[in-house]
C-alpha atoms as a PDB file:
ATOM      1  CA  MET A   1      -7.967   9.265   5.554  1.00  0.00           C
ATOM      2  CA  ILE A   2      -5.171   6.838   6.829  1.00  0.00           C
ATOM      3  CA  ARG A   3      -5.738   3.403   7.288  1.00  0.00           C
ATOM      4  CA  ILE A   4      -3.210   0.557   8.560  1.00  0.00           C
ATOM      5  CA  PHE A   5      -3.546  -2.735   8.307  1.00  0.00           C
ATOM      6  CA  LYS A   6      -1.443  -5.333  10.048  1.00  0.00           C
ATOM      7  CA  HIS A   7      -2.687  -9.000  10.572  1.00  0.00           C
ATOM      8  CA  ASP A   8      -6.158  -8.031   9.086  1.00  0.00           C
ATOM      9  CA  GLU A   9      -7.427  -9.380   5.893  1.00  0.00           C
ATOM     10  CA  PRO A  10     -11.133  -9.074   6.356  1.00  0.00           C
ATOM     11  CA  GLY A  11     -10.379  -5.189   7.189  1.00  0.00           C
ATOM     12  CA  TYR A  12      -7.702  -5.126   4.499  1.00  0.00           C
ATOM     13  CA  GLN A  13     -10.354  -6.354   2.051  1.00  0.00           C
ATOM     14  CA  SER A  14     -13.422  -4.438   3.129  1.00  0.00           C
ATOM     15  CA  TRP A  15     -11.787  -1.081   2.582  1.00  0.00           C
ATOM     16  CA  LEU A  16     -10.516  -2.482  -0.802  1.00  0.00           C
ATOM     17  CA  GLU A  17     -13.890  -2.829  -1.770  1.00  0.00           C
ATOM     18  CA  GLU A  18     -15.187   0.458  -0.452  1.00  0.00           C
ATOM     19  CA  ASN A  19     -12.005   2.298  -1.884  1.00  0.00           C
ATOM     20  CA  PRO A  20     -11.554   0.828  -5.571  1.00  0.00           C
ATOM     21  CA  GLU A  21      -9.904   4.484  -6.552  1.00  0.00           C
ATOM     22  CA  GLY A  22      -7.955   4.347  -3.582  1.00  0.00           C
ATOM     23  CA  PHE A  23      -4.296   4.070  -2.877  1.00  0.00           C
ATOM     24  CA  VAL A  24      -2.080   1.411  -0.930  1.00  0.00           C
ATOM     25  CA  PHE A  25       1.410   1.713   0.393  1.00  0.00           C
ATOM     26  CA  ASN A  26       2.951  -1.664   0.760  1.00  0.00           C
ATOM     27  CA  HIS A  27       5.337  -1.010   3.917  1.00  0.00           C
ATOM     28  CA  LEU A  28       7.796  -3.441   3.812  1.00  0.00           C
ATOM     29  CA  GLY A  29      10.439  -1.465   5.871  1.00  0.00           C
ATOM     30  CA  GLY A  30      14.465  -2.682   5.368  1.00  0.00           C
ATOM     31  CA  ARG A  31      16.957  -0.097   3.941  1.00  0.00           C
ATOM     32  CA  ASP A  32      15.559  -0.977  -0.066  1.00  0.00           C
ATOM     33  CA  PRO A  33      13.176   1.307  -1.322  1.00  0.00           C
ATOM     34  CA  LYS A  34      12.022  -0.459  -4.348  1.00  0.00           C
ATOM     35  CA  TYR A  35      10.062  -2.542  -1.368  1.00  0.00           C
ATOM     36  CA  ASN A  36       8.173   0.219  -0.537  1.00  0.00           C
ATOM     37  CA  ILE A  37       5.855   1.438  -3.041  1.00  0.00           C
ATOM     38  CA  ILE A  38       2.623   3.016  -3.673  1.00  0.00           C
ATOM     39  CA  HIS A  39      -0.360   1.243  -5.453  1.00  0.00           C
ATOM     40  CA  ASN A  40      -3.142   2.047  -7.174  1.00  0.00           C
ATOM     41  CA  ALA A  41      -5.892  -0.141  -4.839  1.00  0.00           C
ATOM     42  CA  SER A  42      -6.529  -2.007  -8.277  1.00  0.00           C
ATOM     43  CA  CYS A  43      -2.859  -3.078  -8.819  1.00  0.00           C
ATOM     44  CA  ARG A  44      -2.498  -6.241 -10.272  1.00  0.00           C
ATOM     45  CA  HIS A  45       0.560  -6.578  -7.782  1.00  0.00           C
ATOM     46  CA  LEU A  46      -1.558  -6.244  -4.691  1.00  0.00           C
ATOM     47  CA  HIS A  47      -4.184  -8.997  -6.072  1.00  0.00           C
ATOM     48  CA  ARG A  48      -1.778 -12.091  -6.508  1.00  0.00           C
ATOM     49  CA  PRO A  49      -3.507 -15.137  -6.160  1.00  0.00           C
ATOM     50  CA  ALA A  50      -0.058 -16.540  -4.345  1.00  0.00           C
ATOM     51  CA  ASP A  51      -0.496 -13.688  -1.288  1.00  0.00           C
ATOM     52  CA  GLU A  52      -4.042 -14.779  -0.680  1.00  0.00           C
ATOM     53  CA  GLY A  53      -5.126 -14.790   3.048  1.00  0.00           C
ATOM     54  CA  VAL A  54      -1.533 -13.161   4.129  1.00  0.00           C
ATOM     55  CA  ARG A  55      -1.712 -10.142   2.122  1.00  0.00           C
ATOM     56  CA  THR A  56      -1.208  -7.974   5.493  1.00  0.00           C
ATOM     57  CA  ASN A  57       1.900  -9.868   7.191  1.00  0.00           C
ATOM     58  CA  VAL A  58       3.453  -6.699   5.209  1.00  0.00           C
ATOM     59  CA  GLU A  59       1.697  -3.456   6.361  1.00  0.00           C
ATOM     60  CA  LYS A  60      -0.588  -1.843   4.496  1.00  0.00           C
ATOM     61  CA  ILE A  61      -1.115   2.099   4.727  1.00  0.00           C
ATOM     62  CA  CYS A  62      -4.405   3.103   2.724  1.00  0.00           C
ATOM     63  CA  SER A  63      -5.905   6.363   1.768  1.00  0.00           C
ATOM     64  CA  ASP A  64      -8.307   7.806  -0.817  1.00  0.00           C
ATOM     65  CA  ASN A  65      -5.882  10.218  -0.869  1.00  0.00           C
ATOM     66  CA  LEU A  66      -2.450   9.962  -2.851  1.00  0.00           C
ATOM     67  CA  GLU A  67      -0.902  13.312  -1.617  1.00  0.00           C
ATOM     68  CA  GLU A  68      -1.738  12.201   1.879  1.00  0.00           C
ATOM     69  CA  LEU A  69      -0.243   8.906   1.305  1.00  0.00           C
ATOM     70  CA  MET A  70       2.543   9.972  -0.253  1.00  0.00           C
ATOM     71  CA  ASN A  71       3.411  12.424   2.873  1.00  0.00           C
ATOM     72  CA  LYS A  72       2.711   9.609   5.411  1.00  0.00           C
ATOM     73  CA  ALA A  73       5.694   7.278   2.972  1.00  0.00           C
ATOM     74  CA  THR A  74       7.611  10.573   3.307  1.00  0.00           C
ATOM     75  CA  GLY A  75       7.425  10.735   7.101  1.00  0.00           C
ATOM     76  CA  LEU A  76       7.847   6.833   7.697  1.00  0.00           C
ATOM     77  CA  ARG A  77      10.818   6.239   5.188  1.00  0.00           C
ATOM     78  CA  GLY A  78      11.917   9.782   4.125  1.00  0.00           C
ATOM     79  CA  PRO A  79      11.879  11.277   0.649  1.00  0.00           C
ATOM     80  CA  ALA A  80      14.249   8.662  -1.234  1.00  0.00           C
ATOM     81  CA  GLY A  81      13.038   5.253   0.681  1.00  0.00           C
ATOM     82  CA  TRP A  82       9.911   4.455  -1.069  1.00  0.00           C
ATOM     83  CA  GLY A  83       8.385   5.069  -4.333  1.00  0.00           C
ATOM     84  CA  CYS A  84       5.193   4.685  -6.851  1.00  0.00           C
ATOM     85  CA  CYS A  85       4.120   1.536  -8.575  1.00  0.00           C
ATOM     86  CA  LYS A  86       5.357   1.683 -12.360  1.00  0.00           C
ATOM     87  CA  VAL A  87       2.284  -0.691 -13.541  1.00  0.00           C
ATOM     88  CA  CYS A  88      -0.391   1.334 -12.222  1.00  0.00           C
ATOM     89  CA  LEU A  89       1.032   4.652 -11.218  1.00  0.00           C
ATOM     90  CA  GLY A  90       4.055   4.569 -13.516  1.00  0.00           C
END
């Protein structure tokens, strides 16, 4: 099931706690696919202290199903408009 968080830190944090094995599409937009990345919910890139309190200023699209999230990313960005994190899904 897809969940979208934008300017909703408490909702996003709750989802992460309930879905530690889930996936997060960090949907920044723009033209560069290297900024539109799918991560494991536990990836260190999603938990940087510098982003505390503002993580959902960037839209987070979340799912417990990687294939579902990849299909959503492709629908939003096209097949070449996004990627997977090289650290956690590399």
